[in-house]
């Protein structure tokens, strides 16, 4: 597997994967296409807040991942949120998710003090991958307000 930063040439293929991912039961929020397009454009730009990556098997895009950066006051340092991990069905079970988690940990090891992600407890396969990678459940209730 090759993991590389998203490029403009990936836009249409990643957008199609995002539509499938965000329409799934794995998420509580299902954004409209303009939001997905904006997020994808920001991730390709690789600004200070979000970065996008694609997972390739030879020349085929097998999936994508996105990370967002923040600060953790309780940890006293920068935090990397793993926002999206999507793997096309025909590539699942081949270690791509685990590979991306390792990639993120290595990439940000000397920059961040914590990696974070959100998951639905019912998504048992994903939860197993995350726990095997060393992630622990925080017990917090997360609250949001859209402004």
N, C-alpha and C. Protein backbone atom coordinates (compact mmCIF):
# COMPACT_ATOMS: atom_id res chain seq x y z
N UNK A 1 0.84 -1.19 0.00
CA UNK A 1 0.00 0.00 0.00
C UNK A 1 0.87 1.23 0.00
N UNK A 2 0.46 2.20 -0.76
CA UNK A 2 1.12 3.50 -0.80
C UNK A 2 0.14 4.53 -0.25
N UNK A 3 0.58 5.34 0.69
CA UNK A 3 -0.23 6.45 1.21
C UNK A 3 0.47 7.72 0.77
N UNK A 4 -0.30 8.62 0.16
CA UNK A 4 0.27 9.88 -0.30
C UNK A 4 -0.74 11.00 -0.07
N UNK A 5 -0.27 12.25 -0.04
CA UNK A 5 -1.20 13.37 0.08
C UNK A 5 -2.16 13.40 -1.11
N UNK A 6 -3.39 13.82 -0.84
CA UNK A 6 -4.36 14.00 -1.91
C UNK A 6 -3.87 15.06 -2.87
N UNK A 7 -4.22 14.87 -4.13
CA UNK A 7 -3.90 15.84 -5.17
C UNK A 7 -5.19 16.19 -5.91
N UNK A 8 -5.16 17.27 -6.65
CA UNK A 8 -6.33 17.71 -7.39
C UNK A 8 -6.85 16.61 -8.33
N UNK A 9 -5.95 15.83 -8.89
CA UNK A 9 -6.36 14.75 -9.81
C UNK A 9 -7.21 13.69 -9.10
N UNK A 10 -7.18 13.64 -7.77
CA UNK A 10 -7.95 12.66 -6.99
C UNK A 10 -9.36 13.14 -6.66
N UNK A 11 -9.65 14.40 -6.93
CA UNK A 11 -10.87 15.05 -6.44
C UNK A 11 -12.12 14.22 -6.73
N UNK A 12 -12.39 13.90 -7.98
CA UNK A 12 -13.64 13.22 -8.33
C UNK A 12 -13.75 11.84 -7.69
N UNK A 13 -12.67 11.08 -7.68
CA UNK A 13 -12.72 9.74 -7.09
C UNK A 13 -12.91 9.79 -5.58
N UNK A 14 -12.22 10.71 -4.93
CA UNK A 14 -12.38 10.84 -3.47
C UNK A 14 -13.77 11.36 -3.14
N UNK A 15 -14.29 12.30 -3.92
CA UNK A 15 -15.64 12.81 -3.68
C UNK A 15 -16.66 11.67 -3.74
N UNK A 16 -16.52 10.77 -4.67
CA UNK A 16 -17.45 9.64 -4.75
C UNK A 16 -17.34 8.76 -3.51
N UNK A 17 -16.12 8.54 -3.02
CA UNK A 17 -15.94 7.76 -1.80
C UNK A 17 -16.55 8.50 -0.61
N UNK A 18 -16.37 9.82 -0.55
CA UNK A 18 -16.93 10.61 0.55
C UNK A 18 -18.45 10.52 0.57
N UNK A 19 -19.06 10.54 -0.60
CA UNK A 19 -20.53 10.44 -0.67
C UNK A 19 -21.01 9.12 -0.08
N UNK A 20 -20.31 8.04 -0.38
CA UNK A 20 -20.67 6.73 0.16
C UNK A 20 -20.44 6.72 1.68
N UNK A 21 -19.27 7.19 2.10
CA UNK A 21 -18.92 7.20 3.52
C UNK A 21 -19.93 8.01 4.33
N UNK A 22 -20.23 9.23 3.89
CA UNK A 22 -21.11 10.10 4.66
C UNK A 22 -22.58 9.73 4.56
N UNK A 23 -22.94 8.84 3.66
CA UNK A 23 -24.31 8.35 3.58
C UNK A 23 -24.50 7.10 4.44
N UNK A 24 -23.41 6.56 4.98
CA UNK A 24 -23.47 5.29 5.71
C UNK A 24 -23.97 5.48 7.13
N UNK A 25 -24.32 4.36 7.75
CA UNK A 25 -24.75 4.35 9.14
C UNK A 25 -23.60 4.55 10.11
N UNK A 26 -22.36 4.56 9.60
CA UNK A 26 -21.19 4.73 10.46
C UNK A 26 -21.09 6.16 10.99
N UNK A 27 -21.89 7.06 10.44
CA UNK A 27 -21.84 8.47 10.86
C UNK A 27 -23.20 8.97 11.29
N UNK A 28 -23.19 9.89 12.22
CA UNK A 28 -24.43 10.49 12.68
C UNK A 28 -24.84 11.69 11.85
N UNK A 29 -23.88 12.30 11.17
CA UNK A 29 -24.13 13.50 10.36
C UNK A 29 -23.92 13.14 8.90
N UNK A 30 -24.82 13.64 8.05
CA UNK A 30 -24.75 13.33 6.63
C UNK A 30 -24.74 14.66 5.84
N UNK A 31 -23.54 15.26 5.67
CA UNK A 31 -23.46 16.56 5.01
C UNK A 31 -23.89 16.51 3.54
N UNK A 32 -24.35 17.65 3.07
CA UNK A 32 -24.72 17.80 1.66
C UNK A 32 -23.45 17.90 0.80
N UNK A 33 -23.60 17.69 -0.49
CA UNK A 33 -22.45 17.68 -1.39
C UNK A 33 -21.61 18.96 -1.36
N UNK A 34 -22.20 20.16 -1.27
CA UNK A 34 -21.34 21.36 -1.22
C UNK A 34 -20.38 21.34 -0.02
N UNK A 35 -20.80 20.79 1.11
CA UNK A 35 -19.93 20.68 2.28
C UNK A 35 -18.80 19.69 2.00
N UNK A 36 -19.13 18.56 1.36
CA UNK A 36 -18.11 17.58 1.01
C UNK A 36 -17.09 18.18 0.05
N UNK A 37 -17.56 18.92 -0.94
CA UNK A 37 -16.65 19.55 -1.92
C UNK A 37 -15.72 20.55 -1.24
N UNK A 38 -16.25 21.34 -0.31
CA UNK A 38 -15.44 22.33 0.41
C UNK A 38 -14.40 21.62 1.27
N UNK A 39 -14.82 20.59 1.99
CA UNK A 39 -13.89 19.83 2.82
C UNK A 39 -12.79 19.21 1.98
N UNK A 40 -13.16 18.63 0.87
CA UNK A 40 -12.18 17.99 -0.01
C UNK A 40 -11.20 19.01 -0.58
N UNK A 41 -11.70 20.17 -1.01
CA UNK A 41 -10.82 21.22 -1.52
C UNK A 41 -9.84 21.68 -0.44
N UNK A 42 -10.33 21.85 0.78
CA UNK A 42 -9.45 22.26 1.88
C UNK A 42 -8.40 21.18 2.17
N UNK A 43 -8.80 19.91 2.12
CA UNK A 43 -7.87 18.82 2.40
C UNK A 43 -6.79 18.72 1.33
N UNK A 44 -7.16 18.95 0.09
CA UNK A 44 -6.17 18.91 -1.00
C UNK A 44 -5.20 20.07 -0.87
N UNK A 45 -5.71 21.21 -0.45
CA UNK A 45 -4.86 22.39 -0.26
C UNK A 45 -3.85 22.17 0.86
N UNK A 46 -4.16 21.29 1.79
CA UNK A 46 -3.29 20.96 2.93
C UNK A 46 -2.90 22.21 3.71
N UNK A 47 -3.91 22.95 4.11
CA UNK A 47 -3.67 24.14 4.90
C UNK A 47 -3.31 23.76 6.34
N UNK A 48 -3.38 24.72 7.23
CA UNK A 48 -2.94 24.45 8.61
C UNK A 48 -3.91 23.58 9.42
N UNK A 49 -5.13 23.37 8.94
CA UNK A 49 -6.13 22.69 9.76
C UNK A 49 -6.48 21.27 9.32
N UNK A 50 -6.41 20.98 8.03
CA UNK A 50 -6.83 19.67 7.54
C UNK A 50 -5.91 19.19 6.43
N UNK A 51 -5.63 17.89 6.45
CA UNK A 51 -4.84 17.26 5.40
C UNK A 51 -5.56 16.01 4.94
N UNK A 52 -5.49 15.75 3.64
CA UNK A 52 -6.10 14.56 3.08
C UNK A 52 -5.04 13.64 2.49
N UNK A 53 -5.32 12.35 2.58
CA UNK A 53 -4.41 11.33 2.06
C UNK A 53 -5.21 10.29 1.31
N UNK A 54 -4.59 9.68 0.32
CA UNK A 54 -5.22 8.58 -0.40
C UNK A 54 -4.38 7.33 -0.19
N UNK A 55 -5.08 6.19 -0.19
CA UNK A 55 -4.44 4.89 -0.07
C UNK A 55 -4.50 4.25 -1.45
N UNK A 56 -3.37 3.82 -1.96
CA UNK A 56 -3.32 3.24 -3.30
C UNK A 56 -2.79 1.82 -3.26
N UNK A 57 -3.40 0.98 -4.05
CA UNK A 57 -2.87 -0.36 -4.35
C UNK A 57 -2.48 -0.28 -5.81
N UNK A 58 -1.17 -0.28 -6.03
CA UNK A 58 -0.62 -0.02 -7.36
C UNK A 58 -1.14 1.33 -7.82
N UNK A 59 -1.90 1.43 -8.88
CA UNK A 59 -2.40 2.72 -9.35
C UNK A 59 -3.87 2.96 -8.97
N UNK A 60 -4.47 2.06 -8.21
CA UNK A 60 -5.89 2.15 -7.88
C UNK A 60 -6.08 2.82 -6.53
N UNK A 61 -6.97 3.83 -6.49
CA UNK A 61 -7.33 4.46 -5.22
C UNK A 61 -8.21 3.51 -4.43
N UNK A 62 -7.70 3.01 -3.33
CA UNK A 62 -8.40 2.03 -2.51
C UNK A 62 -9.17 2.69 -1.37
N UNK A 63 -8.84 3.93 -1.04
CA UNK A 63 -9.51 4.62 0.05
C UNK A 63 -8.86 5.96 0.31
N UNK A 64 -9.35 6.62 1.35
CA UNK A 64 -8.80 7.92 1.72
C UNK A 64 -8.91 8.11 3.22
N UNK A 65 -8.16 9.07 3.71
CA UNK A 65 -8.22 9.47 5.10
C UNK A 65 -7.98 10.96 5.22
N UNK A 66 -8.55 11.55 6.25
CA UNK A 66 -8.34 12.98 6.51
C UNK A 66 -8.02 13.17 7.99
N UNK A 67 -7.14 14.12 8.26
CA UNK A 67 -6.82 14.49 9.64
C UNK A 67 -6.99 15.99 9.82
N UNK A 68 -7.40 16.37 11.01
CA UNK A 68 -7.54 17.77 11.37
C UNK A 68 -6.67 18.02 12.59
N UNK A 69 -6.19 19.24 12.71
CA UNK A 69 -5.26 19.57 13.79
C UNK A 69 -5.91 20.53 14.79
N UNK A 70 -5.62 20.28 16.07
CA UNK A 70 -6.15 21.15 17.12
C UNK A 70 -5.16 21.14 18.29
N UNK A 71 -5.60 21.67 19.42
CA UNK A 71 -4.77 21.72 20.61
C UNK A 71 -5.54 21.07 21.76
N UNK A 72 -4.86 20.29 22.57
CA UNK A 72 -5.46 19.66 23.73
C UNK A 72 -4.92 20.32 24.99
N UNK A 73 -5.77 21.08 25.67
CA UNK A 73 -5.32 21.73 26.90
C UNK A 73 -5.07 20.70 28.00
N UNK A 74 -5.84 19.63 28.02
CA UNK A 74 -5.64 18.62 29.06
C UNK A 74 -4.37 17.81 28.85
N UNK A 75 -3.84 17.81 27.62
CA UNK A 75 -2.59 17.11 27.34
C UNK A 75 -1.42 18.07 27.17
N UNK A 76 -1.71 19.36 27.09
CA UNK A 76 -0.64 20.36 26.96
C UNK A 76 0.10 20.29 25.64
N UNK A 77 -0.64 20.07 24.57
CA UNK A 77 0.02 20.03 23.28
C UNK A 77 -0.95 19.85 22.13
N UNK A 78 -0.39 19.76 20.95
CA UNK A 78 -1.19 19.65 19.74
C UNK A 78 -1.83 18.27 19.64
N UNK A 79 -2.97 18.24 19.00
CA UNK A 79 -3.76 17.03 18.84
C UNK A 79 -4.07 16.84 17.36
N UNK A 80 -4.05 15.60 16.92
CA UNK A 80 -4.44 15.26 15.55
C UNK A 80 -5.71 14.42 15.63
N UNK A 81 -6.76 14.92 15.01
CA UNK A 81 -8.02 14.20 14.91
C UNK A 81 -8.03 13.43 13.60
N UNK A 82 -8.22 12.15 13.67
CA UNK A 82 -8.41 11.36 12.46
C UNK A 82 -9.89 11.48 12.13
N UNK A 83 -10.18 12.30 11.14
CA UNK A 83 -11.56 12.66 10.80
C UNK A 83 -12.25 11.59 9.96
N UNK A 84 -11.62 11.16 8.91
CA UNK A 84 -12.21 10.19 8.00
C UNK A 84 -11.23 9.06 7.74
N UNK A 85 -11.74 7.86 7.71
CA UNK A 85 -11.04 6.72 7.14
C UNK A 85 -12.09 5.97 6.34
N UNK A 86 -11.89 5.91 5.04
CA UNK A 86 -12.82 5.16 4.19
C UNK A 86 -12.01 4.26 3.27
N UNK A 87 -12.40 3.01 3.23
CA UNK A 87 -11.76 2.02 2.36
C UNK A 87 -12.84 1.40 1.50
N UNK A 88 -12.61 1.40 0.20
CA UNK A 88 -13.59 0.80 -0.71
C UNK A 88 -13.80 -0.67 -0.35
N UNK A 89 -15.03 -1.16 -0.46
CA UNK A 89 -15.36 -2.52 0.01
C UNK A 89 -14.43 -3.62 -0.50
N UNK A 90 -14.03 -3.54 -1.74
CA UNK A 90 -13.18 -4.61 -2.29
C UNK A 90 -11.76 -4.61 -1.72
N UNK A 91 -11.39 -3.57 -0.97
CA UNK A 91 -10.06 -3.48 -0.37
C UNK A 91 -10.08 -3.64 1.15
N UNK A 92 -11.25 -3.83 1.72
CA UNK A 92 -11.36 -3.97 3.18
C UNK A 92 -10.77 -5.30 3.64
N UNK A 93 -10.29 -5.31 4.87
CA UNK A 93 -9.73 -6.52 5.45
C UNK A 93 -8.31 -6.81 4.98
N UNK A 94 -7.67 -5.82 4.33
CA UNK A 94 -6.31 -6.01 3.82
C UNK A 94 -5.28 -5.18 4.59
N UNK A 95 -5.68 -4.62 5.72
CA UNK A 95 -4.74 -3.88 6.55
C UNK A 95 -4.58 -2.42 6.19
N UNK A 96 -5.42 -1.89 5.31
CA UNK A 96 -5.28 -0.48 4.92
C UNK A 96 -5.60 0.47 6.07
N UNK A 97 -6.66 0.18 6.83
CA UNK A 97 -7.00 1.03 7.97
C UNK A 97 -5.90 1.04 9.01
N UNK A 98 -5.40 -0.13 9.35
CA UNK A 98 -4.29 -0.25 10.29
C UNK A 98 -3.06 0.48 9.77
N UNK A 99 -2.81 0.32 8.48
CA UNK A 99 -1.67 1.00 7.86
C UNK A 99 -1.79 2.51 7.94
N UNK A 100 -3.01 3.03 7.75
CA UNK A 100 -3.20 4.48 7.84
C UNK A 100 -3.01 4.97 9.27
N UNK A 101 -3.50 4.22 10.25
CA UNK A 101 -3.31 4.62 11.64
C UNK A 101 -1.82 4.67 12.00
N UNK A 102 -1.06 3.70 11.54
CA UNK A 102 0.39 3.70 11.77
C UNK A 102 1.05 4.88 11.05
N UNK A 103 0.62 5.14 9.83
CA UNK A 103 1.15 6.26 9.05
C UNK A 103 0.93 7.58 9.80
N UNK A 104 -0.28 7.79 10.30
CA UNK A 104 -0.60 9.02 11.02
C UNK A 104 0.25 9.13 12.29
N UNK A 105 0.36 8.04 13.02
CA UNK A 105 1.15 8.08 14.25
C UNK A 105 2.61 8.43 13.96
N UNK A 106 3.18 7.85 12.94
CA UNK A 106 4.57 8.15 12.59
C UNK A 106 4.73 9.57 12.07
N UNK A 107 3.80 10.00 11.22
CA UNK A 107 3.89 11.34 10.61
C UNK A 107 3.85 12.44 11.67
N UNK A 108 3.04 12.25 12.70
CA UNK A 108 2.82 13.32 13.69
C UNK A 108 3.47 13.02 15.04
N UNK A 109 4.26 11.98 15.14
CA UNK A 109 4.86 11.56 16.41
C UNK A 109 5.60 12.70 17.12
N UNK A 110 6.36 13.48 16.43
CA UNK A 110 7.14 14.55 17.06
C UNK A 110 6.43 15.90 17.00
N UNK A 111 5.20 15.92 16.55
CA UNK A 111 4.45 17.17 16.45
C UNK A 111 3.29 17.22 17.43
N UNK A 112 2.61 16.09 17.62
CA UNK A 112 1.40 16.06 18.44
C UNK A 112 1.61 15.21 19.69
N UNK A 113 0.78 15.47 20.71
CA UNK A 113 0.83 14.68 21.94
C UNK A 113 -0.31 13.67 22.01
N UNK A 114 -1.31 13.82 21.14
CA UNK A 114 -2.46 12.92 21.18
C UNK A 114 -3.06 12.76 19.80
N UNK A 115 -3.48 11.52 19.52
CA UNK A 115 -4.30 11.23 18.34
C UNK A 115 -5.71 10.97 18.85
N UNK A 116 -6.70 11.44 18.10
CA UNK A 116 -8.09 11.24 18.49
C UNK A 116 -8.89 10.84 17.28
N UNK A 117 -9.96 10.11 17.52
CA UNK A 117 -10.92 9.81 16.47
C UNK A 117 -12.27 9.53 17.10
N UNK A 118 -13.29 9.57 16.30
CA UNK A 118 -14.64 9.26 16.75
C UNK A 118 -15.10 8.01 16.02
N UNK A 119 -15.89 7.19 16.70
CA UNK A 119 -16.42 5.99 16.07
C UNK A 119 -17.73 5.63 16.73
N UNK A 120 -18.56 4.93 16.00
CA UNK A 120 -19.79 4.38 16.54
C UNK A 120 -19.46 3.02 17.16
N UNK A 121 -19.87 2.81 18.38
CA UNK A 121 -19.60 1.55 19.08
C UNK A 121 -20.13 0.35 18.28
N UNK A 122 -21.22 0.56 17.54
CA UNK A 122 -21.82 -0.52 16.76
C UNK A 122 -20.96 -0.93 15.57
N UNK A 123 -20.01 -0.08 15.17
CA UNK A 123 -19.12 -0.39 14.05
C UNK A 123 -18.00 -1.28 14.59
N UNK A 124 -18.34 -2.55 14.83
CA UNK A 124 -17.46 -3.47 15.53
C UNK A 124 -16.13 -3.70 14.82
N UNK A 125 -16.14 -3.79 13.51
CA UNK A 125 -14.89 -4.03 12.78
C UNK A 125 -13.93 -2.85 12.96
N UNK A 126 -14.46 -1.64 12.82
CA UNK A 126 -13.62 -0.45 13.00
C UNK A 126 -13.13 -0.35 14.44
N UNK A 127 -14.02 -0.60 15.39
CA UNK A 127 -13.63 -0.52 16.80
C UNK A 127 -12.50 -1.49 17.11
N UNK A 128 -12.54 -2.68 16.55
CA UNK A 128 -11.48 -3.65 16.76
C UNK A 128 -10.15 -3.14 16.21
N UNK A 129 -10.19 -2.56 15.01
CA UNK A 129 -8.97 -2.00 14.41
C UNK A 129 -8.41 -0.89 15.30
N UNK A 130 -9.28 0.01 15.77
CA UNK A 130 -8.82 1.14 16.60
C UNK A 130 -8.25 0.65 17.93
N UNK A 131 -8.91 -0.27 18.55
CA UNK A 131 -8.42 -0.78 19.84
C UNK A 131 -7.10 -1.53 19.66
N UNK A 132 -7.00 -2.31 18.60
CA UNK A 132 -5.74 -3.02 18.32
C UNK A 132 -4.60 -2.06 18.05
N UNK A 133 -4.93 -0.86 17.57
CA UNK A 133 -3.91 0.16 17.32
C UNK A 133 -3.57 0.96 18.58
N UNK A 134 -4.21 0.64 19.71
CA UNK A 134 -3.89 1.30 20.97
C UNK A 134 -4.83 2.43 21.37
N UNK A 135 -5.90 2.65 20.63
CA UNK A 135 -6.85 3.70 20.99
C UNK A 135 -7.74 3.21 22.13
N UNK A 136 -8.07 4.13 23.03
CA UNK A 136 -8.91 3.83 24.17
C UNK A 136 -10.14 4.72 24.15
N UNK A 137 -11.22 4.23 24.69
CA UNK A 137 -12.44 5.03 24.79
C UNK A 137 -12.27 6.06 25.89
N UNK A 138 -12.61 7.32 25.57
CA UNK A 138 -12.54 8.41 26.58
C UNK A 138 -13.82 8.48 27.36
N UNK A 139 -14.63 8.41 27.73
CA UNK A 139 -15.90 8.43 28.40
C UNK A 139 -16.63 9.73 28.29
N UNK A 140 -16.10 10.68 27.51
CA UNK A 140 -16.75 11.98 27.37
C UNK A 140 -18.00 11.89 26.48
N UNK A 141 -18.93 12.75 26.81
CA UNK A 141 -20.04 13.01 25.89
C UNK A 141 -19.61 14.22 25.08
N UNK A 142 -19.66 14.11 23.81
CA UNK A 142 -19.26 15.23 22.96
C UNK A 142 -20.49 16.05 22.60
N UNK A 143 -20.41 17.34 22.82
CA UNK A 143 -21.51 18.25 22.51
C UNK A 143 -21.07 19.18 21.39
N UNK A 144 -21.98 19.53 20.51
CA UNK A 144 -21.66 20.45 19.42
C UNK A 144 -22.79 21.46 19.25
N UNK A 145 -22.42 22.59 18.68
CA UNK A 145 -23.40 23.61 18.30
C UNK A 145 -22.94 24.18 16.98
N UNK A 146 -23.74 24.06 15.97
CA UNK A 146 -23.41 24.59 14.66
C UNK A 146 -23.74 26.07 14.64
N UNK A 147 -22.75 26.88 14.21
CA UNK A 147 -23.01 28.33 14.14
C UNK A 147 -22.87 28.85 12.72
